C-alpha atoms as a PDB file:
ATOM      1  CA  MET A   1     102.356  64.136  90.726  1.00  0.00           C
ATOM      2  CA  ASN A   2     100.106  62.177  93.058  1.00  0.00           C
ATOM      3  CA  THR A   3      96.482  63.084  92.385  1.00  0.00           C
ATOM      4  CA  ALA A   4      95.448  61.442  95.658  1.00  0.00           C
ATOM      5  CA  ASN A   5      97.207  64.273  97.509  1.00  0.00           C
ATOM      6  CA  ASN A   6      94.212  66.444  96.684  1.00  0.00           C
ATOM      7  CA  LEU A   7      92.101  63.975  98.644  1.00  0.00           C
ATOM      8  CA  GLY A   8      94.377  63.876 101.693  1.00  0.00           C
ATOM      9  CA  PRO A   9      93.637  64.753 105.306  1.00  0.00           C
ATOM     10  CA  ASN A  10      93.839  68.484 104.593  1.00  0.00           C
ATOM     11  CA  SER A  11      90.817  68.212 102.298  1.00  0.00           C
ATOM     12  CA  GLU A  12      88.671  66.395 104.833  1.00  0.00           C
ATOM     13  CA  ILE A  13      85.028  66.445 103.839  1.00  0.00           C
ATOM     14  CA  LYS A  14      82.631  67.713 106.479  1.00  0.00           C
ATOM     15  CA  HIS A  15      79.894  65.358 107.595  1.00  0.00           C
ATOM     16  CA  THR A  16      77.305  68.057 106.965  1.00  0.00           C
ATOM     17  CA  GLN A  17      76.800  66.824 103.420  1.00  0.00           C
ATOM     18  CA  SER A  18      73.404  65.475 102.489  1.00  0.00           C
ATOM     19  CA  LEU A  19      73.132  61.797 101.643  1.00  0.00           C
ATOM     20  CA  ASP A  20      72.847  62.701  97.946  1.00  0.00           C
ATOM     21  CA  GLU A  21      76.056  64.756  98.165  1.00  0.00           C
ATOM     22  CA  GLN A  22      77.841  61.896  99.920  1.00  0.00           C
ATOM     23  CA  ILE A  23      76.722  59.433  97.247  1.00  0.00           C
ATOM     24  CA  ALA A  24      77.871  61.771  94.472  1.00  0.00           C
ATOM     25  CA  ALA A  25      81.284  62.166  96.122  1.00  0.00           C
ATOM     26  CA  VAL A  26      81.699  58.394  96.485  1.00  0.00           C
ATOM     27  CA  LYS A  27      80.684  57.853  92.849  1.00  0.00           C
ATOM     28  CA  LYS A  28      83.280  60.424  91.758  1.00  0.00           C
ATOM     29  CA  LEU A  29      85.947  58.647  93.793  1.00  0.00           C
ATOM     30  CA  LYS A  30      84.892  55.286  92.316  1.00  0.00           C
ATOM     31  CA  SER A  31      85.393  56.685  88.837  1.00  0.00           C
ATOM     32  CA  LEU A  32      88.949  57.611  89.856  1.00  0.00           C
ATOM     33  CA  VAL A  33      89.500  53.999  90.958  1.00  0.00           C
ATOM     34  CA  ASP A  34      88.099  52.744  87.655  1.00  0.00           C
ATOM     35  CA  GLU A  35      90.535  55.018  85.792  1.00  0.00           C
ATOM     36  CA  GLY A  36      93.462  53.730  87.864  1.00  0.00           C
ATOM     37  CA  ILE A  37      94.066  57.070  89.556  1.00  0.00           C
ATOM     38  CA  LEU A  38      93.190  55.870  93.079  1.00  0.00           C
ATOM     39  CA  SER A  39      93.816  52.494  94.645  1.00  0.00           C
ATOM     40  CA  GLU A  40      91.030  50.479  96.268  1.00  0.00           C
ATOM     41  CA  ASP A  41      92.596  51.197  99.673  1.00  0.00           C
ATOM     42  CA  GLU A  42      92.587  54.954  99.027  1.00  0.00           C
ATOM     43  CA  PHE A  43      88.987  54.728  97.835  1.00  0.00           C
ATOM     44  CA  ASN A  44      87.852  52.803 100.904  1.00  0.00           C
ATOM     45  CA  LEU A  45      89.573  55.252 103.252  1.00  0.00           C
ATOM     46  CA  LYS A  46      87.970  58.286 101.606  1.00  0.00           C
ATOM     47  CA  LYS A  47      84.574  56.551 101.396  1.00  0.00           C
ATOM     48  CA  LYS A  48      84.634  56.007 105.164  1.00  0.00           C
ATOM     49  CA  GLU A  49      85.567  59.666 105.708  1.00  0.00           C
ATOM     50  CA  ILE A  50      82.776  60.871 103.416  1.00  0.00           C
ATOM     51  CA  MET A  51      80.139  58.608 104.916  1.00  0.00           C
ATOM     52  CA  GLY A  52      81.274  59.352 108.462  1.00  0.00           C
ATOM     53  CA  LEU A  53      82.014  55.710 109.281  1.00  0.00           C
END
């Protein structure tokens, strides 16, 4: 089971999140990287989506 599937394109995060919400989402993703669940590449992709970059 690939946990990253839950973070795929179908779960795209809207850019209407506040900055605090965006930071919280990125921190949560970073914890998944630290636990070895997400790769750095997956993290960077989702971070860009969350931050609207």
